[in-house]
């Protein structure tokens, strides 16, 4: 059996779009996790 590998090169513009997309996802996610942990910590005081 032969395995084929598929490698895509990512251009500079695509890297910028990728970083921007993950930033748009990551910032609200981290904010939500921070708020959840802060409020959960109040329950255990």
PDB file of N, CA and C in Angstrom:
ATOM      1  N   UNK A   1       0.838  -1.190   0.000  1.00  0.00           N
ATOM      2  CA  UNK A   1       0.000   0.000   0.000  1.00  0.00           C
ATOM      3  C   UNK A   1       0.873   1.241   0.000  1.00  0.00           C
ATOM      4  N   UNK A   2       0.480   2.176  -0.775  1.00  0.00           N
ATOM      5  CA  UNK A   2       1.237   3.424  -0.800  1.00  0.00           C
ATOM      6  C   UNK A   2       0.421   4.521  -0.121  1.00  0.00           C
ATOM      7  N   UNK A   3       1.111   5.299   0.657  1.00  0.00           N
ATOM      8  CA  UNK A   3       0.446   6.405   1.345  1.00  0.00           C
ATOM      9  C   UNK A   3       0.788   7.694   0.621  1.00  0.00           C
ATOM     10  N   UNK A   4      -0.220   8.485   0.392  1.00  0.00           N
ATOM     11  CA  UNK A   4       0.025   9.780  -0.217  1.00  0.00           C
ATOM     12  C   UNK A   4      -0.091  10.842   0.865  1.00  0.00           C
ATOM     13  N   UNK A   5       0.800  11.786   0.802  1.00  0.00           N
ATOM     14  CA  UNK A   5       0.748  12.890   1.757  1.00  0.00           C
ATOM     15  C   UNK A   5       0.372  14.152   1.017  1.00  0.00           C
ATOM     16  N   UNK A   6      -0.388  14.954   1.697  1.00  0.00           N
ATOM     17  CA  UNK A   6      -0.856  16.199   1.094  1.00  0.00           C
ATOM     18  C   UNK A   6      -0.321  17.355   1.922  1.00  0.00           C
ATOM     19  N   UNK A   7       0.580  18.088   1.362  1.00  0.00           N
ATOM     20  CA  UNK A   7       1.167  19.229   2.057  1.00  0.00           C
ATOM     21  C   UNK A   7       0.737  20.500   1.337  1.00  0.00           C
ATOM     22  N   UNK A   8       0.177  21.410   2.117  1.00  0.00           N
ATOM     23  CA  UNK A   8      -0.196  22.699   1.547  1.00  0.00           C
ATOM     24  C   UNK A   8       0.730  23.762   2.099  1.00  0.00           C
ATOM     25  N   UNK A   9       1.151  24.636   1.241  1.00  0.00           N
ATOM     26  CA  UNK A   9       1.954  25.748   1.713  1.00  0.00           C
ATOM     27  C   UNK A   9       1.012  26.883   2.070  1.00  0.00           C
ATOM     28  N   UNK A  10       1.306  27.551   3.166  1.00  0.00           N
ATOM     29  CA  UNK A  10       0.461  28.641   3.629  1.00  0.00           C
ATOM     30  C   UNK A  10       1.150  29.946   3.277  1.00  0.00           C
ATOM     31  N   UNK A  11       0.467  30.766   2.510  1.00  0.00           N
ATOM     32  CA  UNK A  11       1.061  32.033   2.107  1.00  0.00           C
ATOM     33  C   UNK A  11       1.010  33.024   3.267  1.00  0.00           C
ATOM     34  N   UNK A  12       1.709  34.121   3.120  1.00  0.00           N
ATOM     35  CA  UNK A  12       1.753  35.143   4.167  1.00  0.00           C
ATOM     36  C   UNK A  12       0.381  35.707   4.472  1.00  0.00           C
ATOM     37  N   UNK A  13      -0.424  35.944   3.457  1.00  0.00           N
ATOM     38  CA  UNK A  13      -1.761  36.494   3.664  1.00  0.00           C
ATOM     39  C   UNK A  13      -2.643  35.505   4.405  1.00  0.00           C
ATOM     40  N   UNK A  14      -2.504  34.227   4.086  1.00  0.00           N
ATOM     41  CA  UNK A  14      -3.297  33.211   4.777  1.00  0.00           C
ATOM     42  C   UNK A  14      -2.878  33.075   6.232  1.00  0.00           C
ATOM     43  N   UNK A  15      -1.581  33.254   6.518  1.00  0.00           N
ATOM     44  CA  UNK A  15      -1.117  33.204   7.895  1.00  0.00           C
ATOM     45  C   UNK A  15      -1.728  34.344   8.705  1.00  0.00           C
ATOM     46  N   UNK A  16      -1.805  35.513   8.105  1.00  0.00           N
ATOM     47  CA  UNK A  16      -2.406  36.667   8.786  1.00  0.00           C
ATOM     48  C   UNK A  16      -3.878  36.394   9.057  1.00  0.00           C
ATOM     49  N   UNK A  17      -4.577  35.855   8.085  1.00  0.00           N
ATOM     50  CA  UNK A  17      -5.998  35.528   8.262  1.00  0.00           C
ATOM     51  C   UNK A  17      -6.181  34.473   9.344  1.00  0.00           C
ATOM     52  N   UNK A  18      -5.281  33.504   9.390  1.00  0.00           N
ATOM     53  CA  UNK A  18      -5.350  32.438  10.377  1.00  0.00           C
ATOM     54  C   UNK A  18      -5.147  32.991  11.785  1.00  0.00           C
ATOM     55  N   UNK A  19      -4.143  33.837  11.946  1.00  0.00           N
ATOM     56  CA  UNK A  19      -3.882  34.447  13.252  1.00  0.00           C
ATOM     57  C   UNK A  19      -5.043  35.342  13.662  1.00  0.00           C
ATOM     58  N   UNK A  20      -5.573  36.104  12.739  1.00  0.00           N
ATOM     59  CA  UNK A  20      -6.707  36.987  13.034  1.00  0.00           C
ATOM     60  C   UNK A  20      -7.932  36.172  13.442  1.00  0.00           C
ATOM     61  N   UNK A  21      -8.197  35.097  12.746  1.00  0.00           N
ATOM     62  CA  UNK A  21      -9.351  34.260  13.062  1.00  0.00           C
ATOM     63  C   UNK A  21      -9.210  33.650  14.449  1.00  0.00           C
ATOM     64  N   UNK A  22      -8.029  33.113  14.780  1.00  0.00           N
ATOM     65  CA  UNK A  22      -7.824  32.519  16.104  1.00  0.00           C
ATOM     66  C   UNK A  22      -7.866  33.576  17.198  1.00  0.00           C
ATOM     67  N   UNK A  23      -7.436  34.795  16.895  1.00  0.00           N
ATOM     68  CA  UNK A  23      -7.528  35.884  17.872  1.00  0.00           C
ATOM     69  C   UNK A  23      -8.988  36.216  18.140  1.00  0.00           C
ATOM     70  N   UNK A  24      -9.788  36.271  17.085  1.00  0.00           N
ATOM     71  CA  UNK A  24     -11.216  36.572  17.253  1.00  0.00           C
ATOM     72  C   UNK A  24     -11.932  35.482  18.043  1.00  0.00           C
ATOM     73  N   UNK A  25     -11.433  34.270  17.987  1.00  0.00           N
ATOM     74  CA  UNK A  25     -12.012  33.171  18.755  1.00  0.00           C
ATOM     75  C   UNK A  25     -11.411  33.119  20.160  1.00  0.00           C
ATOM     76  N   UNK A  26     -10.111  33.295  20.245  1.00  0.00           N
ATOM     77  CA  UNK A  26      -9.399  33.095  21.497  1.00  0.00           C
ATOM     78  C   UNK A  26      -9.645  34.145  22.552  1.00  0.00           C
ATOM     79  N   UNK A  27      -9.741  35.408  22.161  1.00  0.00           N
ATOM     80  CA  UNK A  27      -9.920  36.481  23.146  1.00  0.00           C
ATOM     81  C   UNK A  27     -11.253  36.334  23.891  1.00  0.00           C
ATOM     82  N   UNK A  28     -12.384  36.197  23.206  1.00  0.00           N
ATOM     83  CA  UNK A  28     -13.633  36.001  23.950  1.00  0.00           C
ATOM     84  C   UNK A  28     -13.646  34.699  24.752  1.00  0.00           C
ATOM     85  N   UNK A  29     -13.007  33.674  24.233  1.00  0.00           N
ATOM     86  CA  UNK A  29     -12.939  32.406  24.954  1.00  0.00           C
ATOM     87  C   UNK A  29     -12.183  32.579  26.267  1.00  0.00           C
ATOM     88  N   UNK A  30     -11.026  33.220  26.205  1.00  0.00           N
ATOM     89  CA  UNK A  30     -10.244  33.448  27.429  1.00  0.00           C
ATOM     90  C   UNK A  30     -10.989  34.357  28.395  1.00  0.00           C
ATOM     91  N   UNK A  31     -11.679  35.367  27.877  1.00  0.00           N
ATOM     92  CA  UNK A  31     -12.468  36.265  28.724  1.00  0.00           C
ATOM     93  C   UNK A  31     -13.570  35.482  29.436  1.00  0.00           C
ATOM     94  N   UNK A  32     -14.239  34.609  28.735  1.00  0.00           N
ATOM     95  CA  UNK A  32     -15.302  33.805  29.329  1.00  0.00           C
ATOM     96  C   UNK A  32     -14.770  32.842  30.378  1.00  0.00           C
ATOM     97  N   UNK A  33     -13.637  32.218  30.103  1.00  0.00           N
ATOM     98  CA  UNK A  33     -13.042  31.309  31.079  1.00  0.00           C
ATOM     99  C   UNK A  33     -12.615  32.079  32.319  1.00  0.00           C
ATOM    100  N   UNK A  34     -12.028  33.248  32.137  1.00  0.00           N
ATOM    101  CA  UNK A  34     -11.597  34.069  33.267  1.00  0.00           C
ATOM    102  C   UNK A  34     -12.793  34.464  34.134  1.00  0.00           C
ATOM    103  N   UNK A  35     -13.861  34.924  33.505  1.00  0.00           N
ATOM    104  CA  UNK A  35     -15.056  35.322  34.260  1.00  0.00           C
ATOM    105  C   UNK A  35     -15.677  34.135  34.978  1.00  0.00           C
ATOM    106  N   UNK A  36     -15.725  32.997  34.327  1.00  0.00           N
ATOM    107  CA  UNK A  36     -16.288  31.798  34.952  1.00  0.00           C
ATOM    108  C   UNK A  36     -15.479  31.389  36.176  1.00  0.00           C
ATOM    109  N   UNK A  37     -14.161  31.368  36.046  1.00  0.00           N
ATOM    110  CA  UNK A  37     -13.320  30.986  37.174  1.00  0.00           C
ATOM    111  C   UNK A  37     -13.392  31.999  38.306  1.00  0.00           C
ATOM    112  N   UNK A  38     -13.509  33.285  37.964  1.00  0.00           N
ATOM    113  CA  UNK A  38     -13.633  34.322  38.992  1.00  0.00           C
ATOM    114  C   UNK A  38     -14.923  34.148  39.784  1.00  0.00           C
ATOM    115  N   UNK A  39     -16.015  33.917  39.089  1.00  0.00           N
ATOM    116  CA  UNK A  39     -17.296  33.750  39.773  1.00  0.00           C
ATOM    117  C   UNK A  39     -17.359  32.418  40.530  1.00  0.00           C
ATOM    118  N   UNK A  40     -16.711  31.396  39.994  1.00  0.00           N
ATOM    119  CA  UNK A  40     -16.684  30.116  40.693  1.00  0.00           C
ATOM    120  C   UNK A  40     -15.853  30.227  41.975  1.00  0.00           C
ATOM    121  N   UNK A  41     -14.797  31.025  41.940  1.00  0.00           N
ATOM    122  CA  UNK A  41     -13.960  31.215  43.128  1.00  0.00           C
ATOM    123  C   UNK A  41     -14.760  31.876  44.248  1.00  0.00           C
ATOM    124  N   UNK A  42     -15.685  32.740  43.895  1.00  0.00           N
ATOM    125  CA  UNK A  42     -16.529  33.389  44.909  1.00  0.00           C
ATOM    126  C   UNK A  42     -17.431  32.378  45.624  1.00  0.00           C
ATOM    127  N   UNK A  43     -17.819  31.323  44.946  1.00  0.00           N
ATOM    128  CA  UNK A  43     -18.665  30.309  45.551  1.00  0.00           C
ATOM    129  C   UNK A  43     -17.933  29.530  46.637  1.00  0.00           C
ATOM    130  N   UNK A  44     -16.614  29.431  46.518  1.00  0.00           N
ATOM    131  CA  UNK A  44     -15.850  28.602  47.439  1.00  0.00           C
ATOM    132  C   UNK A  44     -15.157  29.405  48.543  1.00  0.00           C
ATOM    133  N   UNK A  45     -15.526  30.663  48.671  1.00  0.00           N
ATOM    134  CA  UNK A  45     -14.942  31.468  49.749  1.00  0.00           C
ATOM    135  C   UNK A  45     -15.720  31.293  51.031  1.00  0.00           C
TER     136      UNK A  45
END
